[in-house]
Amino acid sequence: MSYTQKTIEIVAEAPKTLGNQLGRWAVYRDFSVLRISKITGATRQSVYNWFSGREVFPAYRPIIEALIQILRANPDPEIAYQEACKKFNINP
């Protein structure tokens, strides 16, 4: 699954926030918004809003920071997803 060119451009041009950093890693690793939504418990629209530079609600910050670390460490999106599900006790 690849991101659209429009999404890639939005992520590239957005202010460098925590959510945008997540978006950059998600695009780079081809890690889907649906998976991020499942892991964080946020809606897909919220995830897209984060990618575009909107502020992340404080309750989501720790999980997003941990997810960014997982994406940094795992080039394979499937392995990253499995690790995130294990870390946050989520059924894949």
PDB file of N, CA and C in Angstrom:
ATOM      1  N   MET A   1       0.836  -1.174   0.000  1.00  0.00           N
ATOM      2  CA  MET A   1       0.000   0.000   0.000  1.00  0.00           C
ATOM      3  C   MET A   1       0.882   1.240   0.000  1.00  0.00           C
ATOM      4  N   SER A   2       0.664   2.087  -0.936  1.00  0.00           N
ATOM      5  CA  SER A   2       1.448   3.302  -1.017  1.00  0.00           C
ATOM      6  C   SER A   2       0.575   4.510  -0.739  1.00  0.00           C
ATOM      7  N   TYR A   3       1.212   5.550  -0.285  1.00  0.00           N
ATOM      8  CA  TYR A   3       0.508   6.801  -0.054  1.00  0.00           C
ATOM      9  C   TYR A   3       0.356   7.550  -1.367  1.00  0.00           C
ATOM     10  N   THR A   4      -0.704   8.350  -1.470  1.00  0.00           N
ATOM     11  CA  THR A   4      -0.905   9.147  -2.679  1.00  0.00           C
ATOM     12  C   THR A   4       0.138  10.254  -2.733  1.00  0.00           C
ATOM     13  N   GLN A   5       0.352  10.750  -3.928  1.00  0.00           N
ATOM     14  CA  GLN A   5       1.304  11.852  -4.093  1.00  0.00           C
ATOM     15  C   GLN A   5       0.860  13.067  -3.292  1.00  0.00           C
ATOM     16  N   LYS A   6      -0.446  13.303  -3.232  1.00  0.00           N
ATOM     17  CA  LYS A   6      -0.962  14.446  -2.474  1.00  0.00           C
ATOM     18  C   LYS A   6      -0.608  14.316  -0.992  1.00  0.00           C
ATOM     19  N   THR A   7      -0.785  13.132  -0.421  1.00  0.00           N
ATOM     20  CA  THR A   7      -0.452  12.911   0.988  1.00  0.00           C
ATOM     21  C   THR A   7       1.041  13.087   1.217  1.00  0.00           C
ATOM     22  N   ILE A   8       1.843  12.568   0.319  1.00  0.00           N
ATOM     23  CA  ILE A   8       3.295  12.713   0.431  1.00  0.00           C
ATOM     24  C   ILE A   8       3.688  14.191   0.422  1.00  0.00           C
ATOM     25  N   GLU A   9       3.075  14.974  -0.444  1.00  0.00           N
ATOM     26  CA  GLU A   9       3.365  16.411  -0.513  1.00  0.00           C
ATOM     27  C   GLU A   9       2.912  17.127   0.752  1.00  0.00           C
ATOM     28  N   ILE A  10       1.743  16.769   1.265  1.00  0.00           N
ATOM     29  CA  ILE A  10       1.241  17.391   2.499  1.00  0.00           C
ATOM     30  C   ILE A  10       2.207  17.119   3.642  1.00  0.00           C
ATOM     31  N   VAL A  11       2.652  15.879   3.762  1.00  0.00           N
ATOM     32  CA  VAL A  11       3.589  15.507   4.824  1.00  0.00           C
ATOM     33  C   VAL A  11       4.900  16.268   4.660  1.00  0.00           C
ATOM     34  N   ALA A  12       5.384  16.381   3.437  1.00  0.00           N
ATOM     35  CA  ALA A  12       6.661  17.049   3.177  1.00  0.00           C
ATOM     36  C   ALA A  12       6.602  18.548   3.471  1.00  0.00           C
ATOM     37  N   GLU A  13       5.451  19.161   3.246  1.00  0.00           N
ATOM     38  CA  GLU A  13       5.327  20.613   3.388  1.00  0.00           C
ATOM     39  C   GLU A  13       4.824  21.064   4.760  1.00  0.00           C
ATOM     40  N   ALA A  14       4.362  20.147   5.575  1.00  0.00           N
ATOM     41  CA  ALA A  14       3.753  20.502   6.863  1.00  0.00           C
ATOM     42  C   ALA A  14       4.803  20.927   7.882  1.00  0.00           C
ATOM     43  N   PRO A  15       4.359  21.695   8.889  1.00  0.00           N
ATOM     44  CA  PRO A  15       5.274  22.055   9.987  1.00  0.00           C
ATOM     45  C   PRO A  15       5.799  20.797  10.673  1.00  0.00           C
ATOM     46  N   LYS A  16       6.991  20.878  11.173  1.00  0.00           N
ATOM     47  CA  LYS A  16       7.648  19.714  11.801  1.00  0.00           C
ATOM     48  C   LYS A  16       7.150  19.516  13.227  1.00  0.00           C
ATOM     49  N   THR A  17       6.020  18.855  13.339  1.00  0.00           N
ATOM     50  CA  THR A  17       5.435  18.532  14.641  1.00  0.00           C
ATOM     51  C   THR A  17       5.640  17.042  14.921  1.00  0.00           C
ATOM     52  N   LEU A  18       5.240  16.596  16.084  1.00  0.00           N
ATOM     53  CA  LEU A  18       5.334  15.175  16.410  1.00  0.00           C
ATOM     54  C   LEU A  18       4.498  14.350  15.430  1.00  0.00           C
ATOM     55  N   GLY A  19       3.287  14.799  15.143  1.00  0.00           N
ATOM     56  CA  GLY A  19       2.428  14.084  14.201  1.00  0.00           C
ATOM     57  C   GLY A  19       3.000  14.058  12.803  1.00  0.00           C
ATOM     58  N   ASN A  20       3.616  15.162  12.394  1.00  0.00           N
ATOM     59  CA  ASN A  20       4.251  15.204  11.083  1.00  0.00           C
ATOM     60  C   ASN A  20       5.446  14.267  11.039  1.00  0.00           C
ATOM     61  N   GLN A  21       6.182  14.179  12.125  1.00  0.00           N
ATOM     62  CA  GLN A  21       7.309  13.240  12.183  1.00  0.00           C
ATOM     63  C   GLN A  21       6.790  11.813  12.018  1.00  0.00           C
ATOM     64  N   LEU A  22       5.686  11.492  12.654  1.00  0.00           N
ATOM     65  CA  LEU A  22       5.062  10.186  12.476  1.00  0.00           C
ATOM     66  C   LEU A  22       4.690   9.980  11.009  1.00  0.00           C
ATOM     67  N   GLY A  23       4.125  11.004  10.404  1.00  0.00           N
ATOM     68  CA  GLY A  23       3.750  10.923   8.996  1.00  0.00           C
ATOM     69  C   GLY A  23       4.932  10.672   8.087  1.00  0.00           C
ATOM     70  N   ARG A  24       6.040  11.330   8.356  1.00  0.00           N
ATOM     71  CA  ARG A  24       7.244  11.131   7.538  1.00  0.00           C
ATOM     72  C   ARG A  24       7.739   9.694   7.638  1.00  0.00           C
ATOM     73  N   TRP A  25       7.747   9.153   8.854  1.00  0.00           N
ATOM     74  CA  TRP A  25       8.180   7.764   9.025  1.00  0.00           C
ATOM     75  C   TRP A  25       7.175   6.795   8.411  1.00  0.00           C
ATOM     76  N   ALA A  26       5.892   7.095   8.532  1.00  0.00           N
ATOM     77  CA  ALA A  26       4.867   6.225   7.951  1.00  0.00           C
ATOM     78  C   ALA A  26       4.995   6.177   6.429  1.00  0.00           C
ATOM     79  N   VAL A  27       5.192   7.327   5.810  1.00  0.00           N
ATOM     80  CA  VAL A  27       5.376   7.368   4.357  1.00  0.00           C
ATOM     81  C   VAL A  27       6.657   6.635   3.975  1.00  0.00           C
ATOM     82  N   TYR A  28       7.733   6.914   4.683  1.00  0.00           N
ATOM     83  CA  TYR A  28       9.027   6.315   4.386  1.00  0.00           C
ATOM     84  C   TYR A  28       8.993   4.791   4.503  1.00  0.00           C
ATOM     85  N   ARG A  29       8.294   4.292   5.525  1.00  0.00           N
ATOM     86  CA  ARG A  29       8.222   2.841   5.754  1.00  0.00           C
ATOM     87  C   ARG A  29       6.981   2.203   5.131  1.00  0.00           C
ATOM     88  N   ASP A  30       6.144   3.022   4.480  1.00  0.00           N
ATOM     89  CA  ASP A  30       4.896   2.547   3.885  1.00  0.00           C
ATOM     90  C   ASP A  30       4.026   1.851   4.937  1.00  0.00           C
ATOM     91  N   PHE A  31       3.875   2.529   6.061  1.00  0.00           N
ATOM     92  CA  PHE A  31       3.110   2.042   7.204  1.00  0.00           C
ATOM     93  C   PHE A  31       1.751   2.738   7.171  1.00  0.00           C
ATOM     94  N   SER A  32       0.685   1.990   7.022  1.00  0.00           N
ATOM     95  CA  SER A  32      -0.623   2.566   6.719  1.00  0.00           C
ATOM     96  C   SER A  32      -1.243   3.386   7.851  1.00  0.00           C
ATOM     97  N   VAL A  33      -2.071   4.330   7.440  1.00  0.00           N
ATOM     98  CA  VAL A  33      -2.839   5.148   8.373  1.00  0.00           C
ATOM     99  C   VAL A  33      -3.801   4.268   9.158  1.00  0.00           C
ATOM    100  N   LEU A  34      -4.351   3.259   8.510  1.00  0.00           N
ATOM    101  CA  LEU A  34      -5.257   2.348   9.196  1.00  0.00           C
ATOM    102  C   LEU A  34      -4.562   1.655  10.367  1.00  0.00           C
ATOM    103  N   ARG A  35      -3.323   1.221  10.156  1.00  0.00           N
ATOM    104  CA  ARG A  35      -2.572   0.590  11.236  1.00  0.00           C
ATOM    105  C   ARG A  35      -2.243   1.584  12.342  1.00  0.00           C
ATOM    106  N   ILE A  36      -1.873   2.796  11.981  1.00  0.00           N
ATOM    107  CA  ILE A  36      -1.590   3.818  12.995  1.00  0.00           C
ATOM    108  C   ILE A  36      -2.850   4.094  13.807  1.00  0.00           C
ATOM    109  N   SER A  37      -3.980   4.176  13.121  1.00  0.00           N
ATOM    110  CA  SER A  37      -5.250   4.410  13.792  1.00  0.00           C
ATOM    111  C   SER A  37      -5.568   3.282  14.771  1.00  0.00           C
ATOM    112  N   LYS A  38      -5.343   2.065  14.343  1.00  0.00           N
ATOM    113  CA  LYS A  38      -5.612   0.910  15.212  1.00  0.00           C
ATOM    114  C   LYS A  38      -4.694   0.923  16.432  1.00  0.00           C
ATOM    115  N   ILE A  39      -3.432   1.230  16.229  1.00  0.00           N
ATOM    116  CA  ILE A  39      -2.460   1.225  17.329  1.00  0.00           C
ATOM    117  C   ILE A  39      -2.733   2.351  18.322  1.00  0.00           C
ATOM    118  N   THR A  40      -3.016   3.545  17.796  1.00  0.00           N
ATOM    119  CA  THR A  40      -3.197   4.701  18.683  1.00  0.00           C
ATOM    120  C   THR A  40      -4.606   4.821  19.257  1.00  0.00           C
ATOM    121  N   GLY A  41      -5.578   4.233  18.564  1.00  0.00           N
ATOM    122  CA  GLY A  41      -6.964   4.387  18.985  1.00  0.00           C
ATOM    123  C   GLY A  41      -7.594   5.668  18.461  1.00  0.00           C
ATOM    124  N   ALA A  42      -6.878   6.395  17.631  1.00  0.00           N
ATOM    125  CA  ALA A  42      -7.384   7.633  17.033  1.00  0.00           C
ATOM    126  C   ALA A  42      -8.064   7.317  15.701  1.00  0.00           C
ATOM    127  N   THR A  43      -8.882   8.229  15.236  1.00  0.00           N
ATOM    128  CA  THR A  43      -9.513   8.040  13.932  1.00  0.00           C
ATOM    129  C   THR A  43      -8.484   8.235  12.814  1.00  0.00           C
ATOM    130  N   ARG A  44      -8.795   7.703  11.652  1.00  0.00           N
ATOM    131  CA  ARG A  44      -7.897   7.906  10.510  1.00  0.00           C
ATOM    132  C   ARG A  44      -7.802   9.392  10.168  1.00  0.00           C
ATOM    133  N   GLN A  45      -8.915  10.117  10.310  1.00  0.00           N
ATOM    134  CA  GLN A  45      -8.883  11.556  10.038  1.00  0.00           C
ATOM    135  C   GLN A  45      -7.936  12.270  10.984  1.00  0.00           C
ATOM    136  N   SER A  46      -7.924  11.872  12.254  1.00  0.00           N
ATOM    137  CA  SER A  46      -6.982  12.468  13.209  1.00  0.00           C
ATOM    138  C   SER A  46      -5.545  12.197  12.787  1.00  0.00           C
ATOM    139  N   VAL A  47      -5.279  10.968  12.334  1.00  0.00           N
ATOM    140  CA  VAL A  47      -3.924  10.624  11.901  1.00  0.00           C
ATOM    141  C   VAL A  47      -3.510  11.498  10.715  1.00  0.00           C
ATOM    142  N   TYR A  48      -4.398  11.657   9.737  1.00  0.00           N
ATOM    143  CA  TYR A  48      -4.089  12.540   8.602  1.00  0.00           C
ATOM    144  C   TYR A  48      -3.872  13.984   9.071  1.00  0.00           C
ATOM    145  N   ASN A  49      -4.664  14.415  10.046  1.00  0.00           N
ATOM    146  CA  ASN A  49      -4.477  15.762  10.593  1.00  0.00           C
ATOM    147  C   ASN A  49      -3.103  15.895  11.237  1.00  0.00           C
ATOM    148  N   TRP A  50      -2.672  14.879  11.966  1.00  0.00           N
ATOM    149  CA  TRP A  50      -1.334  14.902  12.575  1.00  0.00           C
ATOM    150  C   TRP A  50      -0.273  14.993  11.495  1.00  0.00           C
ATOM    151  N   PHE A  51      -0.442  14.191  10.430  1.00  0.00           N
ATOM    152  CA  PHE A  51       0.527  14.210   9.328  1.00  0.00           C
ATOM    153  C   PHE A  51       0.670  15.614   8.752  1.00  0.00           C
ATOM    154  N   SER A  52      -0.442  16.359   8.706  1.00  0.00           N
ATOM    155  CA  SER A  52      -0.420  17.694   8.104  1.00  0.00           C
ATOM    156  C   SER A  52       0.075  18.772   9.060  1.00  0.00           C
ATOM    157  N   GLY A  53       0.524  18.362  10.254  1.00  0.00           N
ATOM    158  CA  GLY A  53       1.131  19.310  11.173  1.00  0.00           C
ATOM    159  C   GLY A  53       0.252  19.769  12.305  1.00  0.00           C
ATOM    160  N   ARG A  54      -0.964  19.292  12.367  1.00  0.00           N
ATOM    161  CA  ARG A  54      -1.833  19.679  13.482  1.00  0.00           C
ATOM    162  C   ARG A  54      -1.314  19.084  14.778  1.00  0.00           C
ATOM    163  N   GLU A  55      -1.615  19.755  15.845  1.00  0.00           N
ATOM    164  CA  GLU A  55      -1.120  19.350  17.167  1.00  0.00           C
ATOM    165  C   GLU A  55      -1.736  18.022  17.597  1.00  0.00           C
ATOM    166  N   VAL A  56      -0.923  17.222  18.257  1.00  0.00           N
ATOM    167  CA  VAL A  56      -1.354  15.936  18.789  1.00  0.00           C
ATOM    168  C   VAL A  56      -1.855  16.147  20.212  1.00  0.00           C
ATOM    169  N   PHE A  57      -3.030  15.615  20.515  1.00  0.00           N
ATOM    170  CA  PHE A  57      -3.563  15.689  21.867  1.00  0.00           C
ATOM    171  C   PHE A  57      -2.577  15.005  22.814  1.00  0.00           C
ATOM    172  N   PRO A  58      -2.277  15.597  23.960  1.00  0.00           N
ATOM    173  CA  PRO A  58      -1.247  15.066  24.866  1.00  0.00           C
ATOM    174  C   PRO A  58      -1.376  13.581  25.222  1.00  0.00           C
ATOM    175  N   ALA A  59      -2.585  13.071  25.302  1.00  0.00           N
ATOM    176  CA  ALA A  59      -2.761  11.663  25.664  1.00  0.00           C
ATOM    177  C   ALA A  59      -2.165  10.712  24.624  1.00  0.00           C
ATOM    178  N   TYR A  60      -2.057  11.171  23.368  1.00  0.00           N
ATOM    179  CA  TYR A  60      -1.515  10.330  22.295  1.00  0.00           C
ATOM    180  C   TYR A  60       0.005  10.419  22.180  1.00  0.00           C
ATOM    181  N   ARG A  61       0.601  11.419  22.779  1.00  0.00           N
ATOM    182  CA  ARG A  61       2.038  11.655  22.599  1.00  0.00           C
ATOM    183  C   ARG A  61       2.928  10.448  22.932  1.00  0.00           C
ATOM    184  N   PRO A  62       2.751   9.800  24.093  1.00  0.00           N
ATOM    185  CA  PRO A  62       3.647   8.680  24.417  1.00  0.00           C
ATOM    186  C   PRO A  62       3.571   7.525  23.413  1.00  0.00           C
ATOM    187  N   ILE A  63       2.371   7.204  22.969  1.00  0.00           N
ATOM    188  CA  ILE A  63       2.237   6.095  22.025  1.00  0.00           C
ATOM    189  C   ILE A  63       2.807   6.470  20.659  1.00  0.00           C
ATOM    190  N   ILE A  64       2.633   7.721  20.258  1.00  0.00           N
ATOM    191  CA  ILE A  64       3.197   8.162  18.972  1.00  0.00           C
ATOM    192  C   ILE A  64       4.719   8.165  19.041  1.00  0.00           C
ATOM    193  N   GLU A  65       5.270   8.651  20.128  1.00  0.00           N
ATOM    194  CA  GLU A  65       6.736   8.644  20.281  1.00  0.00           C
ATOM    195  C   GLU A  65       7.279   7.219  20.224  1.00  0.00           C
ATOM    196  N   ALA A  66       6.595   6.284  20.891  1.00  0.00           N
ATOM    197  CA  ALA A  66       7.025   4.881  20.864  1.00  0.00           C
ATOM    198  C   ALA A  66       6.876   4.290  19.468  1.00  0.00           C
ATOM    199  N   LEU A  67       5.796   4.634  18.777  1.00  0.00           N
ATOM    200  CA  LEU A  67       5.588   4.127  17.424  1.00  0.00           C
ATOM    201  C   LEU A  67       6.646   4.656  16.460  1.00  0.00           C
ATOM    202  N   ILE A  68       7.032   5.903  16.614  1.00  0.00           N
ATOM    203  CA  ILE A  68       8.105   6.456  15.783  1.00  0.00           C
ATOM    204  C   ILE A  68       9.392   5.667  16.007  1.00  0.00           C
ATOM    205  N   GLN A  69       9.697   5.355  17.243  1.00  0.00           N
ATOM    206  CA  GLN A  69      10.902   4.563  17.541  1.00  0.00           C
ATOM    207  C   GLN A  69      10.835   3.186  16.884  1.00  0.00           C
ATOM    208  N   ILE A  70       9.674   2.572  16.918  1.00  0.00           N
ATOM    209  CA  ILE A  70       9.500   1.264  16.283  1.00  0.00           C
ATOM    210  C   ILE A  70       9.707   1.381  14.776  1.00  0.00           C
ATOM    211  N   LEU A  71       9.138   2.412  14.163  1.00  0.00           N
ATOM    212  CA  LEU A  71       9.297   2.603  12.718  1.00  0.00           C
ATOM    213  C   LEU A  71      10.748   2.892  12.345  1.00  0.00           C
ATOM    214  N   ARG A  72      11.440   3.644  13.169  1.00  0.00           N
ATOM    215  CA  ARG A  72      12.861   3.918  12.918  1.00  0.00           C
ATOM    216  C   ARG A  72      13.685   2.629  12.930  1.00  0.00           C
ATOM    217  N   ALA A  73      13.356   1.735  13.847  1.00  0.00           N
ATOM    218  CA  ALA A  73      14.156   0.526  14.058  1.00  0.00           C
ATOM    219  C   ALA A  73      13.814  -0.613  13.092  1.00  0.00           C
ATOM    220  N   ASN A  74      12.651  -0.546  12.452  1.00  0.00           N
ATOM    221  CA  ASN A  74      12.196  -1.665  11.624  1.00  0.00           C
ATOM    222  C   ASN A  74      11.855  -1.225  10.206  1.00  0.00           C
ATOM    223  N   PRO A  75      12.723  -1.520   9.240  1.00  0.00           N
ATOM    224  CA  PRO A  75      12.444  -1.144   7.860  1.00  0.00           C
ATOM    225  C   PRO A  75      11.234  -1.866   7.254  1.00  0.00           C
ATOM    226  N   ASP A  76      10.933  -3.062   7.745  1.00  0.00           N
ATOM    227  CA  ASP A  76       9.819  -3.839   7.214  1.00  0.00           C
ATOM    228  C   ASP A  76       8.537  -3.437   7.948  1.00  0.00           C
ATOM    229  N   PRO A  77       7.531  -2.913   7.235  1.00  0.00           N
ATOM    230  CA  PRO A  77       6.311  -2.464   7.909  1.00  0.00           C
ATOM    231  C   PRO A  77       5.558  -3.581   8.617  1.00  0.00           C
ATOM    232  N   GLU A  78       5.661  -4.808   8.105  1.00  0.00           N
ATOM    233  CA  GLU A  78       4.988  -5.930   8.765  1.00  0.00           C
ATOM    234  C   GLU A  78       5.610  -6.225  10.124  1.00  0.00           C
ATOM    235  N   ILE A  79       6.934  -6.211  10.174  1.00  0.00           N
ATOM    236  CA  ILE A  79       7.626  -6.444  11.443  1.00  0.00           C
ATOM    237  C   ILE A  79       7.340  -5.297  12.412  1.00  0.00           C
ATOM    238  N   ALA A  80       7.348  -4.076  11.899  1.00  0.00           N
ATOM    239  CA  ALA A  80       7.041  -2.914  12.744  1.00  0.00           C
ATOM    240  C   ALA A  80       5.633  -3.027  13.317  1.00  0.00           C
ATOM    241  N   TYR A  81       4.693  -3.447  12.497  1.00  0.00           N
ATOM    242  CA  TYR A  81       3.313  -3.590  12.964  1.00  0.00           C
ATOM    243  C   TYR A  81       3.208  -4.660  14.040  1.00  0.00           C
ATOM    244  N   GLN A  82       3.842  -5.788  13.806  1.00  0.00           N
ATOM    245  CA  GLN A  82       3.813  -6.864  14.803  1.00  0.00           C
ATOM    246  C   GLN A  82       4.435  -6.408  16.124  1.00  0.00           C
ATOM    247  N   GLU A  83       5.547  -5.701  16.035  1.00  0.00           N
ATOM    248  CA  GLU A  83       6.198  -5.205  17.247  1.00  0.00           C
ATOM    249  C   GLU A  83       5.317  -4.199  17.981  1.00  0.00           C
ATOM    250  N   ALA A  84       4.679  -3.307  17.230  1.00  0.00           N
ATOM    251  CA  ALA A  84       3.804  -2.311  17.853  1.00  0.00           C
ATOM    252  C   ALA A  84       2.601  -2.994  18.515  1.00  0.00           C
ATOM    253  N   CYS A  85       2.026  -3.972  17.838  1.00  0.00           N
ATOM    254  CA  CYS A  85       0.884  -4.691  18.416  1.00  0.00           C
ATOM    255  C   CYS A  85       1.299  -5.400  19.709  1.00  0.00           C
ATOM    256  N   LYS A  86       2.471  -5.987  19.690  1.00  0.00           N
ATOM    257  CA  LYS A  86       2.960  -6.669  20.890  1.00  0.00           C
ATOM    258  C   LYS A  86       3.197  -5.664  22.017  1.00  0.00           C
ATOM    259  N   LYS A  87       3.840  -4.545  21.688  1.00  0.00           N
ATOM    260  CA  LYS A  87       4.165  -3.539  22.710  1.00  0.00           C
ATOM    261  C   LYS A  87       2.897  -2.953  23.344  1.00  0.00           C
ATOM    262  N   PHE A  88       1.872  -2.720  22.532  1.00  0.00           N
ATOM    263  CA  PHE A  88       0.669  -2.064  23.034  1.00  0.00           C
ATOM    264  C   PHE A  88      -0.481  -3.049  23.290  1.00  0.00           C
ATOM    265  N   ASN A  89      -0.153  -4.361  23.247  1.00  0.00           N
ATOM    266  CA  ASN A  89      -1.126  -5.407  23.545  1.00  0.00           C
ATOM    267  C   ASN A  89      -2.381  -5.290  22.693  1.00  0.00           C
ATOM    268  N   ILE A  90      -2.165  -5.271  21.367  1.00  0.00           N
ATOM    269  CA  ILE A  90      -3.251  -5.143  20.397  1.00  0.00           C
ATOM    270  C   ILE A  90      -3.255  -6.401  19.537  1.00  0.00           C
ATOM    271  N   ASN A  91      -4.425  -6.934  19.251  1.00  0.00           N
ATOM    272  CA  ASN A  91      -4.521  -8.063  18.325  1.00  0.00           C
ATOM    273  C   ASN A  91      -4.306  -7.549  16.903  1.00  0.00           C
ATOM    274  N   PRO A  92      -3.347  -8.122  16.180  1.00  0.00           N
ATOM    275  CA  PRO A  92      -3.075  -7.648  14.799  1.00  0.00           C
ATOM    276  C   PRO A  92      -4.246  -7.811  13.858  1.00  0.00           C
TER     277      PRO A  92
END
